[in-house]
N, C-alpha and C. Protein backbone atom coordinates (compact mmCIF):
# COMPACT_ATOMS: atom_id res chain seq x y z
N UNK A 1 112.45 -48.69 60.42
CA UNK A 1 112.22 -48.02 60.72
C UNK A 1 112.35 -47.49 62.57
N UNK A 2 112.73 -48.55 62.53
CA UNK A 2 113.29 -48.71 64.36
C UNK A 2 114.74 -48.16 64.29
N UNK A 3 115.42 -47.70 63.25
CA UNK A 3 117.04 -46.87 63.28
C UNK A 3 116.60 -45.55 63.51
N UNK A 4 115.59 -45.20 63.01
CA UNK A 4 115.56 -43.74 62.72
C UNK A 4 114.54 -43.19 64.01
N UNK A 5 114.22 -43.94 64.87
CA UNK A 5 113.52 -43.46 65.99
C UNK A 5 114.16 -42.42 67.03
N UNK A 6 115.46 -42.90 66.82
CA UNK A 6 116.52 -42.09 68.00
C UNK A 6 117.33 -40.95 67.22
N UNK A 7 117.11 -41.16 66.20
CA UNK A 7 117.60 -39.54 65.18
C UNK A 7 116.57 -38.50 65.23
N UNK A 8 115.10 -38.90 65.09
CA UNK A 8 114.15 -38.00 65.14
C UNK A 8 114.23 -37.13 65.83
N UNK A 9 114.48 -37.40 67.36
CA UNK A 9 114.28 -36.02 68.37
C UNK A 9 115.59 -35.22 67.97
N UNK A 10 116.73 -35.87 67.89
CA UNK A 10 118.16 -34.97 67.63
C UNK A 10 117.80 -34.30 66.50
N UNK A 11 117.17 -34.39 65.40
CA UNK A 11 116.87 -33.58 64.22
C UNK A 11 115.96 -32.29 64.89
N UNK A 12 115.03 -32.74 65.27
CA UNK A 12 113.57 -32.10 65.58
C UNK A 12 114.80 -30.75 66.77
N UNK A 13 115.52 -31.09 67.68
CA UNK A 13 116.00 -30.46 68.31
C UNK A 13 116.92 -29.64 67.92
N UNK A 14 117.59 -30.09 66.84
CA UNK A 14 118.79 -29.24 65.83
C UNK A 14 117.89 -27.92 65.25
N UNK A 15 116.88 -28.43 64.44
CA UNK A 15 116.00 -27.75 63.88
C UNK A 15 115.52 -26.72 64.75
N UNK A 16 114.91 -26.75 65.80
CA UNK A 16 114.55 -25.59 66.89
C UNK A 16 115.32 -24.75 67.36
N UNK A 17 116.79 -25.28 67.16
CA UNK A 17 118.08 -24.29 67.75
C UNK A 17 118.34 -23.61 66.75
N UNK A 18 118.72 -23.90 65.51
CA UNK A 18 118.35 -23.37 64.15
C UNK A 18 117.40 -21.88 64.22
N UNK A 19 116.26 -22.53 64.25
CA UNK A 19 114.97 -21.59 64.03
C UNK A 19 115.39 -20.55 65.46
N UNK A 20 115.78 -20.91 66.25
CA UNK A 20 115.80 -19.99 67.79
C UNK A 20 117.19 -18.81 67.02
N UNK A 21 118.16 -19.22 66.66
CA UNK A 21 119.34 -18.80 66.18
C UNK A 21 119.03 -17.45 65.06
N UNK A 22 118.36 -17.94 63.89
CA UNK A 22 117.36 -17.10 63.13
C UNK A 22 116.60 -15.92 63.48
N UNK A 23 115.81 -16.70 64.55
CA UNK A 23 115.30 -15.14 65.43
C UNK A 23 116.05 -14.19 66.02
N UNK A 24 116.91 -14.69 66.75
CA UNK A 24 117.89 -13.79 66.96
C UNK A 24 118.26 -12.68 66.44
N UNK A 25 118.83 -13.07 64.97
CA UNK A 25 119.31 -12.33 64.02
C UNK A 25 118.46 -11.85 63.49
N UNK A 26 117.26 -12.13 63.16
CA UNK A 26 116.17 -11.02 63.10
C UNK A 26 116.07 -10.14 63.65
N UNK A 27 115.89 -10.40 64.83
CA UNK A 27 115.51 -9.24 66.20
C UNK A 27 116.88 -8.74 66.28
N UNK A 28 117.93 -8.84 66.55
CA UNK A 28 118.90 -7.50 66.03
C UNK A 28 118.91 -6.62 65.05
N UNK A 29 118.37 -7.41 63.80
CA UNK A 29 118.31 -6.36 62.38
C UNK A 29 116.96 -5.63 62.71
N UNK A 30 116.04 -5.87 63.41
CA UNK A 30 114.97 -4.93 63.62
C UNK A 30 115.08 -3.85 64.66
N UNK A 31 115.96 -4.73 65.58
CA UNK A 31 116.52 -3.41 66.88
C UNK A 31 117.28 -2.76 66.04
N UNK A 32 118.01 -2.73 64.93
CA UNK A 32 119.10 -1.70 64.53
C UNK A 32 118.16 -1.03 63.34
N UNK A 33 116.86 -1.57 62.85
CA UNK A 33 116.34 -0.79 61.95
C UNK A 33 115.44 0.20 62.72
N UNK A 34 114.85 -0.26 63.96
CA UNK A 34 114.22 0.53 64.69
C UNK A 34 114.93 1.80 65.55
N UNK A 35 116.39 1.55 65.63
CA UNK A 35 117.55 2.57 65.77
C UNK A 35 117.74 3.56 64.47
N UNK A 36 118.08 3.28 63.24
CA UNK A 36 117.77 3.84 62.42
C UNK A 36 116.60 4.68 62.24
N UNK A 37 115.49 4.22 62.34
CA UNK A 37 114.51 5.11 62.34
C UNK A 37 114.03 6.10 63.40
N UNK A 38 114.23 6.01 64.56
CA UNK A 38 114.47 6.84 65.77
C UNK A 38 115.36 7.92 65.40
N UNK A 39 116.39 7.47 64.95
CA UNK A 39 117.36 8.35 64.66
C UNK A 39 117.21 9.56 63.37
N UNK A 40 116.23 8.80 62.38
CA UNK A 40 115.63 10.12 61.62
C UNK A 40 114.67 10.83 62.00
N UNK A 41 113.67 10.25 62.74
CA UNK A 41 112.72 11.11 63.26
C UNK A 41 113.16 12.17 64.26
N UNK A 42 114.35 11.81 65.34
CA UNK A 42 114.77 12.90 65.85
C UNK A 42 115.34 14.07 65.06
N UNK A 43 115.88 13.57 63.91
CA UNK A 43 116.52 14.62 62.62
C UNK A 43 115.56 15.72 62.38
N UNK A 44 114.27 14.86 61.89
CA UNK A 44 113.25 15.44 61.57
C UNK A 44 112.77 16.38 62.59
N UNK A 45 112.63 15.98 63.60
CA UNK A 45 111.94 16.99 64.69
C UNK A 45 112.70 18.20 65.17
N UNK A 46 114.17 17.95 64.75
CA UNK A 46 115.26 19.18 64.99
C UNK A 46 115.28 19.91 63.90
N UNK A 47 114.79 19.69 62.49
CA UNK A 47 114.91 20.74 61.57
C UNK A 47 113.76 21.53 61.50
N UNK A 48 112.77 21.68 61.95
CA UNK A 48 111.76 22.44 62.00
C UNK A 48 111.29 22.77 60.50
N UNK A 49 110.64 21.18 59.95
CA UNK A 49 110.03 21.06 58.52
C UNK A 49 108.89 21.77 58.23
N UNK A 50 108.39 21.99 57.13
CA UNK A 50 107.02 22.47 57.16
C UNK A 50 106.13 21.41 57.88
N UNK A 51 105.10 21.85 58.13
CA UNK A 51 104.27 21.09 59.58
C UNK A 51 102.87 20.98 58.64
N UNK A 52 102.30 19.89 59.23
CA UNK A 52 101.11 19.17 58.51
C UNK A 52 99.85 20.10 58.44
N UNK A 53 98.97 20.61 57.12
CA UNK A 53 98.25 21.65 57.17
C UNK A 53 98.79 22.92 56.97
N UNK A 54 99.71 23.41 56.49
CA UNK A 54 100.50 24.85 55.94
C UNK A 54 100.14 24.31 54.76
N UNK A 55 99.59 25.63 53.72
CA UNK A 55 99.15 25.79 52.73
C UNK A 55 100.69 25.87 51.73
N UNK A 56 100.28 25.49 50.53
CA UNK A 56 101.47 25.34 49.60
C UNK A 56 102.65 27.08 49.16
N UNK A 57 101.42 28.04 49.56
CA UNK A 57 101.98 29.68 49.69
C UNK A 57 102.90 29.75 50.97
N UNK A 58 102.53 29.24 51.83
CA UNK A 58 102.94 29.23 53.31
C UNK A 58 104.26 28.58 53.36
N UNK A 59 104.32 27.18 52.54
CA UNK A 59 105.25 26.72 52.65
C UNK A 59 106.71 27.47 51.73
N UNK A 60 106.14 27.82 50.46
CA UNK A 60 106.59 28.50 49.84
C UNK A 60 107.50 30.20 50.42
N UNK A 61 106.73 30.78 51.15
CA UNK A 61 107.20 31.75 51.81
C UNK A 61 108.07 31.74 52.84
N UNK A 62 107.88 30.58 53.67
CA UNK A 62 108.85 30.13 55.12
C UNK A 62 110.19 29.76 54.45
N UNK A 63 110.28 28.67 53.05
CA UNK A 63 111.34 27.83 53.05
C UNK A 63 111.87 28.45 51.83
N UNK A 64 111.07 29.30 50.77
CA UNK A 64 111.54 29.56 49.52
C UNK A 64 111.16 28.64 48.58
N UNK A 65 111.68 28.84 47.15
CA UNK A 65 111.21 28.18 46.15
C UNK A 65 112.05 26.89 46.13
N UNK A 66 111.02 25.60 45.81
CA UNK A 66 111.47 24.33 46.14
C UNK A 66 112.73 24.14 44.98
N UNK A 67 113.67 23.35 44.87
CA UNK A 67 114.49 22.83 43.85
C UNK A 67 113.29 22.41 42.72
N UNK A 68 112.66 21.74 43.33
CA UNK A 68 111.81 20.77 42.22
C UNK A 68 110.53 20.76 42.81
N UNK A 69 109.35 21.07 41.82
CA UNK A 69 107.98 20.49 41.90
C UNK A 69 108.07 19.34 41.10
N UNK A 70 107.91 18.21 41.76
CA UNK A 70 107.37 16.99 40.89
C UNK A 70 105.98 16.94 40.55
N UNK A 71 105.52 16.23 39.48
CA UNK A 71 104.12 16.01 38.93
C UNK A 71 103.54 15.56 39.90
N UNK A 72 102.06 16.08 39.89
CA UNK A 72 100.96 15.55 40.60
C UNK A 72 100.64 14.26 40.52
N UNK A 73 100.15 13.36 41.55
CA UNK A 73 99.82 12.39 40.96
C UNK A 73 98.65 12.14 41.73
N UNK A 74 97.72 10.82 41.76
CA UNK A 74 96.41 10.57 42.08
C UNK A 74 95.15 11.79 41.42
N UNK A 75 94.15 11.90 42.01
CA UNK A 75 93.30 12.60 41.38
C UNK A 75 92.05 12.37 40.78
N UNK A 76 92.01 10.47 40.52
CA UNK A 76 91.35 10.01 39.50
C UNK A 76 90.14 9.91 40.24
N UNK A 77 90.18 9.56 42.28
CA UNK A 77 88.71 9.59 42.39
C UNK A 77 88.79 10.07 43.60
N UNK A 78 87.65 10.44 44.07
CA UNK A 78 87.78 10.81 45.68
C UNK A 78 88.66 9.86 46.87
N UNK A 79 88.83 8.87 46.56
CA UNK A 79 90.10 7.79 47.19
C UNK A 79 91.25 8.29 47.20
N UNK A 80 91.38 8.80 45.94
CA UNK A 80 92.83 9.00 45.43
C UNK A 80 93.24 10.64 45.39
N UNK A 81 93.40 11.46 46.35
CA UNK A 81 93.11 12.71 46.32
C UNK A 81 94.41 13.16 45.18
N UNK A 82 94.59 14.09 45.15
CA UNK A 82 95.70 14.80 44.34
C UNK A 82 96.83 15.01 45.34
N UNK A 83 98.14 14.50 44.96
CA UNK A 83 99.35 14.49 45.81
C UNK A 83 100.44 15.32 44.72
N UNK A 84 100.92 16.33 45.46
CA UNK A 84 101.95 17.30 45.15
C UNK A 84 103.27 16.81 45.73
N UNK A 85 104.54 16.82 45.47
CA UNK A 85 105.82 16.63 45.83
C UNK A 85 106.53 17.60 45.72
N UNK A 86 106.93 18.51 46.79
CA UNK A 86 107.91 19.72 46.45
C UNK A 86 109.59 18.89 46.91
N UNK A 87 110.29 18.81 46.60
CA UNK A 87 111.78 18.64 46.80
C UNK A 87 112.37 19.97 46.94
N UNK A 88 113.45 20.15 48.64
CA UNK A 88 113.97 21.23 48.78
C UNK A 88 115.65 19.99 48.49
N UNK A 89 116.33 21.35 49.34
CA UNK A 89 117.87 20.38 49.10
C UNK A 89 117.89 19.12 50.24
N UNK A 90 117.36 19.82 51.26
CA UNK A 90 117.34 18.24 52.07
C UNK A 90 116.41 17.71 52.98
N UNK A 91 114.96 18.08 52.16
CA UNK A 91 113.72 17.71 52.59
C UNK A 91 112.89 17.48 51.43
N UNK A 92 111.62 16.61 51.63
CA UNK A 92 110.56 16.77 50.85
C UNK A 92 109.04 16.76 51.55
N UNK A 93 108.65 17.69 50.61
CA UNK A 93 106.86 17.91 51.34
C UNK A 93 106.05 17.42 50.70
N UNK A 94 105.26 16.66 50.93
CA UNK A 94 103.77 16.22 50.56
C UNK A 94 102.67 17.10 50.66
N UNK A 95 102.12 17.57 49.50
CA UNK A 95 100.72 17.88 49.72
C UNK A 95 99.63 17.69 49.41
N UNK A 96 98.63 17.22 49.96
CA UNK A 96 97.24 17.19 49.42
C UNK A 96 96.46 18.02 49.13
N UNK A 97 95.89 17.97 47.88
CA UNK A 97 95.49 18.99 47.12
C UNK A 97 96.53 20.55 47.52
N UNK A 98 96.57 21.52 48.61
CA UNK A 98 96.99 22.60 48.52
C UNK A 98 97.75 22.52 50.02
N UNK A 99 97.64 21.73 50.63
CA UNK A 99 97.85 21.53 52.07
C UNK A 99 98.72 20.39 52.40
N UNK A 100 99.79 20.82 53.36
CA UNK A 100 101.18 19.74 53.69
C UNK A 100 100.43 18.52 54.57
N UNK A 101 100.60 17.41 53.91
CA UNK A 101 100.19 15.86 54.97
C UNK A 101 101.41 15.37 55.60
N UNK A 102 102.65 15.99 55.15
CA UNK A 102 103.79 15.09 55.47
C UNK A 102 105.18 15.75 55.04
N UNK A 103 106.19 15.76 56.07
CA UNK A 103 107.91 16.16 55.15
C UNK A 103 108.50 15.50 55.85
N UNK A 104 109.77 14.79 55.28
CA UNK A 104 110.76 14.21 55.21
C UNK A 104 111.91 14.36 54.81
N UNK A 105 112.91 13.80 55.53
CA UNK A 105 114.42 14.18 55.12
C UNK A 105 114.67 13.22 54.09
N UNK A 106 115.40 14.17 53.05
CA UNK A 106 115.98 13.40 52.11
C UNK A 106 117.50 13.03 51.97
N UNK A 107 117.72 11.74 52.63
CA UNK A 107 118.73 11.29 52.94
C UNK A 107 118.96 9.89 52.10
N UNK A 108 120.28 9.88 51.76
CA UNK A 108 120.55 8.68 51.22
C UNK A 108 120.18 7.69 51.77
N UNK A 109 119.98 7.60 53.44
CA UNK A 109 119.19 5.77 53.51
C UNK A 109 118.15 5.88 53.57
N UNK A 110 116.97 6.84 53.39
CA UNK A 110 115.90 6.80 52.97
C UNK A 110 115.42 6.39 51.86
N UNK A 111 114.42 6.12 51.47
CA UNK A 111 113.61 5.41 50.14
C UNK A 111 113.09 6.37 49.60
N UNK A 112 113.85 7.32 49.87
CA UNK A 112 113.04 8.77 49.28
C UNK A 112 114.20 9.77 48.91
N UNK A 113 114.92 9.37 48.60
CA UNK A 113 116.03 9.86 47.90
C UNK A 113 116.23 10.38 46.49
N UNK A 114 115.80 9.64 45.85
CA UNK A 114 115.36 10.33 44.23
C UNK A 114 113.72 10.03 43.76
N UNK A 115 113.31 11.30 44.17
CA UNK A 115 111.62 11.11 44.19
C UNK A 115 111.39 11.29 42.65
N UNK A 116 111.79 11.53 41.93
CA UNK A 116 111.19 12.01 40.58
C UNK A 116 111.42 10.39 40.34
N UNK A 117 111.97 9.32 40.45
CA UNK A 117 112.21 8.08 39.95
C UNK A 117 110.73 7.31 40.97
N UNK A 118 110.14 7.73 41.87
CA UNK A 118 109.35 6.98 42.54
C UNK A 118 108.06 7.32 42.04
N UNK A 119 107.71 6.31 41.02
CA UNK A 119 106.34 6.42 39.87
C UNK A 119 105.35 7.16 40.59
């Protein structure tokens, strides 16, 4: 056991160095992701997307007929209200019952590229 007592601190220091390097990579990846998210939010703000609280009728009058109205989801309980999604050429509008709750860009970088495939 005596021959391993000198190598143990070296192994611990090496492992700590690897852990710190991994943390730096993760931090850099997170910063890159934050920049992408910030850019996307700025794009959405500049596009004048349908605002929270607008009715379905108001959205359709202002932005025209959507490319596609996806099947409603939810509605099985008060905790799961009916959610409707309308797809336009460059954005998607989410409605709770008849009112907008969120609008997002329909970008290839986003996870909402093909809403019909999103269960």
